[in-house]
Amino acid sequence: MELFKPEIGLVFWMFIVFLLLLFVLGKYGWPAIIKSLDKRAALIDKGVEYAQNAKEQLDSAKAEAEKIIAEGQRRQDDILRDAEKMRTSIIEEAKAAASVEAKKVIDAAQLSIEQSRKESELQFRNEVSAFAINIAEKMVRKDMANDKAQADLVDKLLNEVEKKN
């Protein structure tokens, strides 16, 4: 029960020890504790500042990445648009070239057909002429077998020549 009813000497020595402990802690303990708390606070402040900088850099990097992606998409669209234009122009050029080539082939074929037709007509005329001359020669030989027929033919030809002149 002594603790519940302390004596004055015990309270005095407890007070002295308390003051001594308070003095030692005030002189050596608290500054070290305060210093380590200040270091810790500074470290936390630096960490927060570093985190804020990192967040700003991350935001900046995200914005830059979005700009680069947008630029890439724009370039891709430009390239696709240019490729489509080139494809269209190549197709048009190929159609035009094919049309010109087809016209050349058709013209050459028409020319060849026309030449073949003329050659065929000429050959036909020559054959008909030769056939007609053969027939005429045979008829004239048959008709001119006697002298009277020859004289009649000469008279008839002379009369025709006189009428024309």
Protein backbone atom coordinates (compact mmCIF):
# COMPACT_ATOMS: atom_id res chain seq x y z
CA MET A 1 0.00 0.00 0.00
CA GLU A 2 2.88 2.25 -0.04
CA LEU A 3 2.28 3.17 -3.61
CA PHE A 4 -1.13 4.53 -2.82
CA LYS A 5 0.14 6.57 0.10
CA PRO A 6 3.62 7.73 -0.86
CA GLU A 7 5.86 9.39 1.61
CA ILE A 8 7.18 12.88 1.06
CA GLY A 9 10.77 11.69 0.57
CA LEU A 10 9.75 9.30 -2.14
CA VAL A 11 7.78 12.03 -3.91
CA PHE A 12 10.77 14.37 -3.54
CA TRP A 13 13.21 11.88 -5.10
CA MET A 14 10.75 10.97 -7.78
CA PHE A 15 10.40 14.64 -8.60
CA ILE A 16 14.21 15.07 -8.71
CA VAL A 17 14.62 12.02 -10.95
CA PHE A 18 11.81 13.31 -13.11
CA LEU A 19 13.48 16.71 -13.48
CA LEU A 20 16.83 15.03 -14.14
CA LEU A 21 15.24 12.78 -16.74
CA LEU A 22 13.44 15.78 -18.22
CA PHE A 23 16.73 17.70 -18.34
CA VAL A 24 18.66 14.79 -20.00
CA LEU A 25 15.90 14.17 -22.48
CA GLY A 26 15.59 17.89 -23.19
CA LYS A 27 19.36 18.23 -23.66
CA TYR A 28 20.11 15.05 -25.63
CA GLY A 29 17.00 13.03 -26.49
CA TRP A 30 14.52 15.54 -27.81
CA PRO A 31 16.93 17.25 -30.21
CA ALA A 32 17.90 13.87 -31.68
CA ILE A 33 14.25 12.86 -31.92
CA ILE A 34 13.28 16.24 -33.40
CA LYS A 35 16.22 16.06 -35.82
CA SER A 36 15.24 12.57 -36.99
CA LEU A 37 11.59 13.69 -37.29
CA ASP A 38 12.72 16.71 -39.34
CA LYS A 39 14.83 14.43 -41.55
CA ARG A 40 11.88 12.09 -41.94
CA ALA A 41 9.57 15.06 -42.73
CA ALA A 42 12.11 16.35 -45.27
CA LEU A 43 12.36 12.87 -46.78
CA ILE A 44 8.59 12.64 -46.98
CA ASP A 45 8.42 16.13 -48.52
CA LYS A 46 11.06 15.12 -51.08
CA GLY A 47 9.12 11.92 -51.78
CA VAL A 48 5.91 13.89 -52.28
CA GLU A 49 7.72 16.39 -54.49
CA TYR A 50 9.32 13.53 -56.43
CA ALA A 51 5.91 11.86 -56.78
CA GLN A 52 4.38 15.12 -58.01
CA ASN A 53 7.23 15.57 -60.50
CA ALA A 54 6.84 11.97 -61.61
CA LYS A 55 3.09 12.47 -62.01
CA GLU A 56 3.67 15.65 -64.02
CA GLN A 57 6.22 13.85 -66.18
CA LEU A 58 3.84 10.94 -66.62
CA ASP A 59 1.03 13.31 -67.59
CA SER A 60 3.40 15.10 -69.94
CA ALA A 61 4.55 11.78 -71.41
CA LYS A 62 0.94 10.68 -71.84
CA ALA A 63 0.09 13.94 -73.59
CA GLU A 64 3.17 13.62 -75.79
CA ALA A 65 2.30 9.99 -76.57
CA GLU A 66 -1.24 11.01 -77.50
CA LYS A 67 0.16 13.75 -79.76
CA ILE A 68 2.53 11.26 -81.38
CA ILE A 69 -0.28 8.72 -81.83
CA ALA A 70 -2.54 11.41 -83.31
CA GLU A 71 0.28 12.51 -85.64
CA GLY A 72 0.89 8.89 -86.62
CA GLN A 73 -2.79 8.37 -87.35
CA ARG A 74 -2.87 11.57 -89.39
CA ARG A 75 0.17 10.45 -91.36
CA GLN A 76 -1.37 7.02 -91.83
CA ASP A 77 -4.55 8.65 -93.13
CA ASP A 78 -2.47 10.84 -95.47
CA ILE A 79 -0.52 7.84 -96.73
CA LEU A 80 -3.71 5.84 -97.27
CA ARG A 81 -5.32 8.79 -99.06
CA ASP A 82 -2.24 9.22 -101.27
CA ALA A 83 -2.16 5.47 -101.95
CA GLU A 84 -5.83 5.58 -102.95
CA LYS A 85 -5.13 8.51 -105.29
CA MET A 86 -2.17 6.66 -106.79
CA ARG A 87 -4.25 3.50 -107.18
CA THR A 88 -6.99 5.46 -108.91
CA SER A 89 -4.55 7.24 -111.21
CA ILE A 90 -2.76 3.97 -112.04
CA ILE A 91 -6.08 2.32 -112.85
CA GLU A 92 -7.08 5.28 -115.01
CA GLU A 93 -3.71 5.25 -116.79
CA ALA A 94 -3.97 1.50 -117.33
CA LYS A 95 -7.52 1.89 -118.71
CA ALA A 96 -6.36 4.68 -121.02
CA ALA A 97 -3.35 2.65 -122.17
CA ALA A 98 -5.53 -0.42 -122.70
CA SER A 99 -8.02 1.68 -124.65
CA VAL A 100 -5.26 3.10 -126.85
CA GLU A 101 -3.80 -0.36 -127.36
CA ALA A 102 -7.22 -1.81 -128.17
CA LYS A 103 -7.83 0.99 -130.66
CA LYS A 104 -4.47 0.24 -132.29
CA VAL A 105 -5.33 -3.46 -132.49
CA ILE A 106 -8.79 -2.71 -133.89
CA ASP A 107 -7.36 -0.26 -136.42
CA ALA A 108 -4.72 -2.78 -137.46
CA ALA A 109 -7.38 -5.49 -137.77
CA GLN A 110 -9.63 -3.19 -139.83
CA LEU A 111 -6.71 -2.27 -142.07
CA SER A 112 -5.81 -5.93 -142.46
CA ILE A 113 -9.44 -6.81 -143.25
CA GLU A 114 -9.65 -3.96 -145.75
CA GLN A 115 -6.42 -5.06 -147.45
CA SER A 116 -7.61 -8.68 -147.52
CA ARG A 117 -10.94 -7.56 -149.01
CA LYS A 118 -9.19 -5.50 -151.70
CA GLU A 119 -6.85 -8.37 -152.48
CA SER A 120 -9.81 -10.74 -152.66
CA GLU A 121 -11.70 -8.35 -154.98
CA LEU A 122 -8.64 -7.94 -157.17
CA GLN A 123 -8.08 -11.69 -157.28
CA PHE A 124 -11.80 -12.23 -158.02
CA ARG A 125 -11.73 -9.65 -160.81
CA ASN A 126 -8.60 -11.18 -162.27
CA GLU A 127 -10.15 -14.66 -162.16
CA VAL A 128 -13.46 -13.41 -163.61
CA SER A 129 -11.57 -11.49 -166.30
CA ALA A 130 -9.46 -14.51 -167.16
CA PHE A 131 -12.58 -16.71 -167.20
CA ALA A 132 -14.46 -14.17 -169.35
CA ILE A 133 -11.52 -13.88 -171.74
CA ASN A 134 -11.35 -17.66 -172.03
CA ILE A 135 -15.08 -17.84 -172.75
CA ALA A 136 -14.87 -14.96 -175.22
CA GLU A 137 -11.85 -16.52 -176.90
CA LYS A 138 -13.66 -19.83 -177.28
CA MET A 139 -16.77 -18.11 -178.61
CA VAL A 140 -14.79 -15.92 -180.98
CA ARG A 141 -12.86 -18.95 -182.23
CA LYS A 142 -16.10 -20.78 -182.78
CA ASP A 143 -17.78 -17.81 -184.45
CA MET A 144 -14.72 -16.83 -186.46
CA ALA A 145 -14.26 -20.22 -187.88
CA ASN A 146 -15.52 -18.99 -191.25
CA ASP A 147 -14.53 -15.90 -193.28
CA LYS A 148 -18.02 -14.39 -193.49
CA ALA A 149 -18.32 -14.18 -189.70
CA GLN A 150 -14.93 -12.49 -189.50
CA ALA A 151 -15.92 -9.90 -192.08
CA ASP A 152 -19.26 -9.20 -190.31
CA LEU A 153 -17.44 -8.69 -186.99
CA VAL A 154 -14.93 -6.27 -188.54
CA ASP A 155 -17.75 -4.27 -190.16
CA LYS A 156 -19.70 -4.13 -186.95
CA LEU A 157 -16.64 -2.89 -184.97
CA LEU A 158 -15.88 -0.24 -187.59
CA ASN A 159 -19.49 1.01 -187.43
CA GLU A 160 -19.30 1.33 -183.63
CA VAL A 161 -16.03 3.27 -183.87
CA GLU A 162 -17.54 5.66 -186.46
CA LYS A 163 -20.60 6.29 -184.25
CA LYS A 164 -18.47 7.19 -181.27
CA ASN A 165 -16.33 9.66 -183.22
